[in-house]
């Protein structure tokens, strides 16, 4: 993720319900999990996959 501006906002979808979460790259670097309103928590391992998907959407 070092090639991405840390202020870049990425749209990450919850794996369980599909709700979109806007997070900056800097926030993702500092946090190990994303909690969704549906109760699902996406852990660091899965966040990396979501970031790759979000970056591909930016292209």
PDB file of N, CA and C in Angstrom:
ATOM      1  N   UNK A   1       0.809  -1.201   0.000  1.00  0.00           N
ATOM      2  CA  UNK A   1       0.000   0.000   0.000  1.00  0.00           C
ATOM      3  C   UNK A   1       0.846   1.256   0.000  1.00  0.00           C
ATOM      4  N   UNK A   2       2.137   1.133  -0.084  1.00  0.00           N
ATOM      5  CA  UNK A   2       2.991   2.312  -0.002  1.00  0.00           C
ATOM      6  C   UNK A   2       2.897   3.192  -1.238  1.00  0.00           C
ATOM      7  N   UNK A   3       2.388   2.677  -2.352  1.00  0.00           N
ATOM      8  CA  UNK A   3       2.279   3.467  -3.572  1.00  0.00           C
ATOM      9  C   UNK A   3       1.027   4.329  -3.609  1.00  0.00           C
ATOM     10  N   UNK A   4       0.167   4.212  -2.613  1.00  0.00           N
ATOM     11  CA  UNK A   4      -1.096   4.949  -2.577  1.00  0.00           C
ATOM     12  C   UNK A   4      -0.957   6.103  -1.592  1.00  0.00           C
ATOM     13  N   UNK A   5      -1.479   7.262  -1.968  1.00  0.00           N
ATOM     14  CA  UNK A   5      -1.509   8.409  -1.070  1.00  0.00           C
ATOM     15  C   UNK A   5      -2.263   8.012   0.197  1.00  0.00           C
ATOM     16  N   UNK A   6      -1.687   8.297   1.370  1.00  0.00           N
ATOM     17  CA  UNK A   6      -2.312   7.875   2.623  1.00  0.00           C
ATOM     18  C   UNK A   6      -3.620   8.605   2.905  1.00  0.00           C
ATOM     19  N   UNK A   7      -3.879   9.720   2.226  1.00  0.00           N
ATOM     20  CA  UNK A   7      -5.139  10.428   2.398  1.00  0.00           C
ATOM     21  C   UNK A   7      -6.205   9.942   1.425  1.00  0.00           C
ATOM     22  N   UNK A   8      -5.823   9.057   0.516  1.00  0.00           N
ATOM     23  CA  UNK A   8      -6.781   8.499  -0.450  1.00  0.00           C
ATOM     24  C   UNK A   8      -7.881   7.764   0.301  1.00  0.00           C
ATOM     25  N   UNK A   9      -9.130   8.028  -0.055  1.00  0.00           N
ATOM     26  CA  UNK A   9     -10.269   7.345   0.546  1.00  0.00           C
ATOM     27  C   UNK A   9     -10.654   6.164  -0.328  1.00  0.00           C
ATOM     28  N   UNK A  10     -10.830   5.023   0.314  1.00  0.00           N
ATOM     29  CA  UNK A  10     -11.217   3.809  -0.382  1.00  0.00           C
ATOM     30  C   UNK A  10     -12.596   3.372   0.104  1.00  0.00           C
ATOM     31  N   UNK A  11     -13.393   2.820  -0.797  1.00  0.00           N
ATOM     32  CA  UNK A  11     -14.729   2.333  -0.462  1.00  0.00           C
ATOM     33  C   UNK A  11     -14.634   0.817  -0.287  1.00  0.00           C
ATOM     34  N   UNK A  12     -14.741   0.365   0.957  1.00  0.00           N
ATOM     35  CA  UNK A  12     -14.621  -1.053   1.266  1.00  0.00           C
ATOM     36  C   UNK A  12     -15.992  -1.616   1.610  1.00  0.00           C
ATOM     37  N   UNK A  13     -16.336  -2.759   1.050  1.00  0.00           N
ATOM     38  CA  UNK A  13     -17.637  -3.373   1.291  1.00  0.00           C
ATOM     39  C   UNK A  13     -17.534  -4.438   2.378  1.00  0.00           C
ATOM     40  N   UNK A  14     -18.524  -4.434   3.278  1.00  0.00           N
ATOM     41  CA  UNK A  14     -18.608  -5.474   4.312  1.00  0.00           C
ATOM     42  C   UNK A  14     -18.802  -6.815   3.613  1.00  0.00           C
ATOM     43  N   UNK A  15     -18.062  -7.802   4.056  1.00  0.00           N
ATOM     44  CA  UNK A  15     -18.155  -9.132   3.447  1.00  0.00           C
ATOM     45  C   UNK A  15     -19.492  -9.802   3.738  1.00  0.00           C
ATOM     46  N   UNK A  16     -20.126  -9.425   4.842  1.00  0.00           N
ATOM     47  CA  UNK A  16     -21.373 -10.073   5.239  1.00  0.00           C
ATOM     48  C   UNK A  16     -22.605  -9.444   4.602  1.00  0.00           C
ATOM     49  N   UNK A  17     -22.698  -8.113   4.640  1.00  0.00           N
ATOM     50  CA  UNK A  17     -23.932  -7.460   4.192  1.00  0.00           C
ATOM     51  C   UNK A  17     -23.745  -6.545   2.976  1.00  0.00           C
ATOM     52  N   UNK A  18     -22.506  -6.231   2.621  1.00  0.00           N
ATOM     53  CA  UNK A  18     -22.248  -5.398   1.460  1.00  0.00           C
ATOM     54  C   UNK A  18     -22.245  -3.900   1.730  1.00  0.00           C
ATOM     55  N   UNK A  19     -22.503  -3.500   2.976  1.00  0.00           N
ATOM     56  CA  UNK A  19     -22.492  -2.067   3.306  1.00  0.00           C
ATOM     57  C   UNK A  19     -21.117  -1.486   2.989  1.00  0.00           C
ATOM     58  N   UNK A  20     -21.107  -0.301   2.377  1.00  0.00           N
ATOM     59  CA  UNK A  20     -19.853   0.355   2.010  1.00  0.00           C
ATOM     60  C   UNK A  20     -19.326   1.193   3.174  1.00  0.00           C
ATOM     61  N   UNK A  21     -18.026   1.137   3.382  1.00  0.00           N
ATOM     62  CA  UNK A  21     -17.348   1.916   4.411  1.00  0.00           C
ATOM     63  C   UNK A  21     -16.256   2.730   3.744  1.00  0.00           C
ATOM     64  N   UNK A  22     -16.251   4.025   3.952  1.00  0.00           N
ATOM     65  CA  UNK A  22     -15.201   4.884   3.414  1.00  0.00           C
ATOM     66  C   UNK A  22     -14.090   5.006   4.459  1.00  0.00           C
ATOM     67  N   UNK A  23     -12.913   4.582   4.096  1.00  0.00           N
ATOM     68  CA  UNK A  23     -11.751   4.631   4.997  1.00  0.00           C
ATOM     69  C   UNK A  23     -10.558   5.169   4.222  1.00  0.00           C
ATOM     70  N   UNK A  24      -9.740   5.975   4.893  1.00  0.00           N
ATOM     71  CA  UNK A  24      -8.509   6.439   4.253  1.00  0.00           C
ATOM     72  C   UNK A  24      -7.444   5.356   4.390  1.00  0.00           C
ATOM     73  N   UNK A  25      -6.466   5.422   3.524  1.00  0.00           N
ATOM     74  CA  UNK A  25      -5.352   4.477   3.602  1.00  0.00           C
ATOM     75  C   UNK A  25      -4.656   4.615   4.956  1.00  0.00           C
ATOM     76  N   UNK A  26      -4.501   5.849   5.438  1.00  0.00           N
ATOM     77  CA  UNK A  26      -3.866   6.067   6.741  1.00  0.00           C
ATOM     78  C   UNK A  26      -4.654   5.364   7.846  1.00  0.00           C
ATOM     79  N   UNK A  27      -5.984   5.424   7.802  1.00  0.00           N
ATOM     80  CA  UNK A  27      -6.817   4.762   8.813  1.00  0.00           C
ATOM     81  C   UNK A  27      -6.601   3.257   8.753  1.00  0.00           C
ATOM     82  N   UNK A  28      -6.547   2.707   7.543  1.00  0.00           N
ATOM     83  CA  UNK A  28      -6.364   1.268   7.392  1.00  0.00           C
ATOM     84  C   UNK A  28      -5.013   0.804   7.927  1.00  0.00           C
ATOM     85  N   UNK A  29      -4.002   1.633   7.760  1.00  0.00           N
ATOM     86  CA  UNK A  29      -2.666   1.284   8.268  1.00  0.00           C
ATOM     87  C   UNK A  29      -2.667   1.232   9.796  1.00  0.00           C
ATOM     88  N   UNK A  30      -3.421   2.126  10.420  1.00  0.00           N
ATOM     89  CA  UNK A  30      -3.431   2.233  11.880  1.00  0.00           C
ATOM     90  C   UNK A  30      -4.375   1.250  12.567  1.00  0.00           C
ATOM     91  N   UNK A  31      -5.335   0.696  11.865  1.00  0.00           N
ATOM     92  CA  UNK A  31      -6.348  -0.158  12.479  1.00  0.00           C
ATOM     93  C   UNK A  31      -6.263  -1.574  11.951  1.00  0.00           C
ATOM     94  N   UNK A  32      -6.611  -2.529  12.804  1.00  0.00           N
ATOM     95  CA  UNK A  32      -6.487  -3.944  12.461  1.00  0.00           C
ATOM     96  C   UNK A  32      -7.801  -4.583  12.038  1.00  0.00           C
ATOM     97  N   UNK A  33      -8.928  -3.859  12.189  1.00  0.00           N
ATOM     98  CA  UNK A  33     -10.223  -4.439  11.840  1.00  0.00           C
ATOM     99  C   UNK A  33     -11.227  -3.333  11.528  1.00  0.00           C
ATOM    100  N   UNK A  34     -12.232  -3.686  10.729  1.00  0.00           N
ATOM    101  CA  UNK A  34     -13.335  -2.783  10.420  1.00  0.00           C
ATOM    102  C   UNK A  34     -14.600  -3.425  10.982  1.00  0.00           C
ATOM    103  N   UNK A  35     -15.321  -2.683  11.812  1.00  0.00           N
ATOM    104  CA  UNK A  35     -16.584  -3.175  12.354  1.00  0.00           C
ATOM    105  C   UNK A  35     -17.735  -2.579  11.553  1.00  0.00           C
ATOM    106  N   UNK A  36     -18.689  -3.431  11.210  1.00  0.00           N
ATOM    107  CA  UNK A  36     -19.854  -2.999  10.441  1.00  0.00           C
ATOM    108  C   UNK A  36     -21.069  -2.909  11.360  1.00  0.00           C
ATOM    109  N   UNK A  37     -22.057  -2.120  10.954  1.00  0.00           N
ATOM    110  CA  UNK A  37     -23.292  -1.997  11.715  1.00  0.00           C
ATOM    111  C   UNK A  37     -24.042  -3.325  11.828  1.00  0.00           C
ATOM    112  N   UNK A  38     -23.806  -4.234  10.888  1.00  0.00           N
ATOM    113  CA  UNK A  38     -24.479  -5.537  10.928  1.00  0.00           C
ATOM    114  C   UNK A  38     -23.872  -6.455  11.987  1.00  0.00           C
ATOM    115  N   UNK A  39     -22.757  -6.047  12.591  1.00  0.00           N
ATOM    116  CA  UNK A  39     -22.108  -6.850  13.615  1.00  0.00           C
ATOM    117  C   UNK A  39     -20.900  -7.623  13.123  1.00  0.00           C
ATOM    118  N   UNK A  40     -20.707  -7.666  11.828  1.00  0.00           N
ATOM    119  CA  UNK A  40     -19.566  -8.387  11.262  1.00  0.00           C
ATOM    120  C   UNK A  40     -18.291  -7.563  11.429  1.00  0.00           C
ATOM    121  N   UNK A  41     -17.190  -8.241  11.737  1.00  0.00           N
ATOM    122  CA  UNK A  41     -15.902  -7.556  11.853  1.00  0.00           C
ATOM    123  C   UNK A  41     -14.944  -8.153  10.832  1.00  0.00           C
ATOM    124  N   UNK A  42     -14.401  -7.286   9.972  1.00  0.00           N
ATOM    125  CA  UNK A  42     -13.434  -7.708   8.968  1.00  0.00           C
ATOM    126  C   UNK A  42     -12.042  -7.526   9.555  1.00  0.00           C
ATOM    127  N   UNK A  43     -11.273  -8.599   9.596  1.00  0.00           N
ATOM    128  CA  UNK A  43      -9.944  -8.556  10.201  1.00  0.00           C
ATOM    129  C   UNK A  43      -8.887  -8.128   9.195  1.00  0.00           C
ATOM    130  N   UNK A  44      -7.701  -7.883   9.707  1.00  0.00           N
ATOM    131  CA  UNK A  44      -6.588  -7.374   8.903  1.00  0.00           C
ATOM    132  C   UNK A  44      -6.328  -8.225   7.661  1.00  0.00           C
ATOM    133  N   UNK A  45      -6.366  -9.542   7.809  1.00  0.00           N
ATOM    134  CA  UNK A  45      -6.080 -10.416   6.671  1.00  0.00           C
ATOM    135  C   UNK A  45      -7.070 -10.166   5.531  1.00  0.00           C
ATOM    136  N   UNK A  46      -8.333  -9.985   5.853  1.00  0.00           N
ATOM    137  CA  UNK A  46      -9.352  -9.777   4.830  1.00  0.00           C
ATOM    138  C   UNK A  46      -9.373  -8.342   4.332  1.00  0.00           C
ATOM    139  N   UNK A  47      -8.931  -7.399   5.152  1.00  0.00           N
ATOM    140  CA  UNK A  47      -8.905  -5.995   4.740  1.00  0.00           C
ATOM    141  C   UNK A  47      -7.998  -5.823   3.529  1.00  0.00           C
ATOM    142  N   UNK A  48      -6.872  -6.526   3.510  1.00  0.00           N
ATOM    143  CA  UNK A  48      -5.941  -6.397   2.388  1.00  0.00           C
ATOM    144  C   UNK A  48      -6.615  -6.761   1.068  1.00  0.00           C
ATOM    145  N   UNK A  49      -7.428  -7.815   1.068  1.00  0.00           N
ATOM    146  CA  UNK A  49      -8.156  -8.207  -0.137  1.00  0.00           C
ATOM    147  C   UNK A  49      -9.165  -7.129  -0.535  1.00  0.00           C
ATOM    148  N   UNK A  50      -9.852  -6.551   0.457  1.00  0.00           N
ATOM    149  CA  UNK A  50     -10.832  -5.501   0.177  1.00  0.00           C
ATOM    150  C   UNK A  50     -10.158  -4.256  -0.379  1.00  0.00           C
ATOM    151  N   UNK A  51      -8.968  -3.946   0.107  1.00  0.00           N
ATOM    152  CA  UNK A  51      -8.218  -2.784  -0.387  1.00  0.00           C
ATOM    153  C   UNK A  51      -7.842  -2.996  -1.846  1.00  0.00           C
ATOM    154  N   UNK A  52      -7.401  -4.182  -2.185  1.00  0.00           N
ATOM    155  CA  UNK A  52      -7.043  -4.483  -3.570  1.00  0.00           C
ATOM    156  C   UNK A  52      -8.259  -4.305  -4.472  1.00  0.00           C
ATOM    157  N   UNK A  53      -9.428  -4.775  -4.037  1.00  0.00           N
ATOM    158  CA  UNK A  53     -10.656  -4.614  -4.807  1.00  0.00           C
ATOM    159  C   UNK A  53     -10.992  -3.134  -4.958  1.00  0.00           C
ATOM    160  N   UNK A  54     -10.873  -2.355  -3.860  1.00  0.00           N
ATOM    161  CA  UNK A  54     -11.202  -0.933  -3.894  1.00  0.00           C
ATOM    162  C   UNK A  54     -10.259  -0.181  -4.823  1.00  0.00           C
ATOM    163  N   UNK A  55      -8.982  -0.507  -4.795  1.00  0.00           N
ATOM    164  CA  UNK A  55      -8.004   0.144  -5.671  1.00  0.00           C
ATOM    165  C   UNK A  55      -8.333  -0.157  -7.127  1.00  0.00           C
ATOM    166  N   UNK A  56      -8.714  -1.391  -7.417  1.00  0.00           N
ATOM    167  CA  UNK A  56      -9.065  -1.750  -8.794  1.00  0.00           C
ATOM    168  C   UNK A  56     -10.292  -0.972  -9.271  1.00  0.00           C
ATOM    169  N   UNK A  57     -11.203  -0.648  -8.366  1.00  0.00           N
ATOM    170  CA  UNK A  57     -12.377   0.150  -8.729  1.00  0.00           C
ATOM    171  C   UNK A  57     -11.979   1.588  -9.084  1.00  0.00           C
ATOM    172  N   UNK A  58     -10.868   2.061  -8.536  1.00  0.00           N
ATOM    173  CA  UNK A  58     -10.409   3.420  -8.813  1.00  0.00           C
ATOM    174  C   UNK A  58      -9.820   3.539 -10.212  1.00  0.00           C
ATOM    175  N   UNK A  59      -9.375   2.443 -10.774  1.00  0.00           N
ATOM    176  CA  UNK A  59      -8.714   2.468 -12.095  1.00  0.00           C
ATOM    177  C   UNK A  59      -9.693   2.717 -13.212  1.00  0.00           C
TER     178      UNK A  59
END
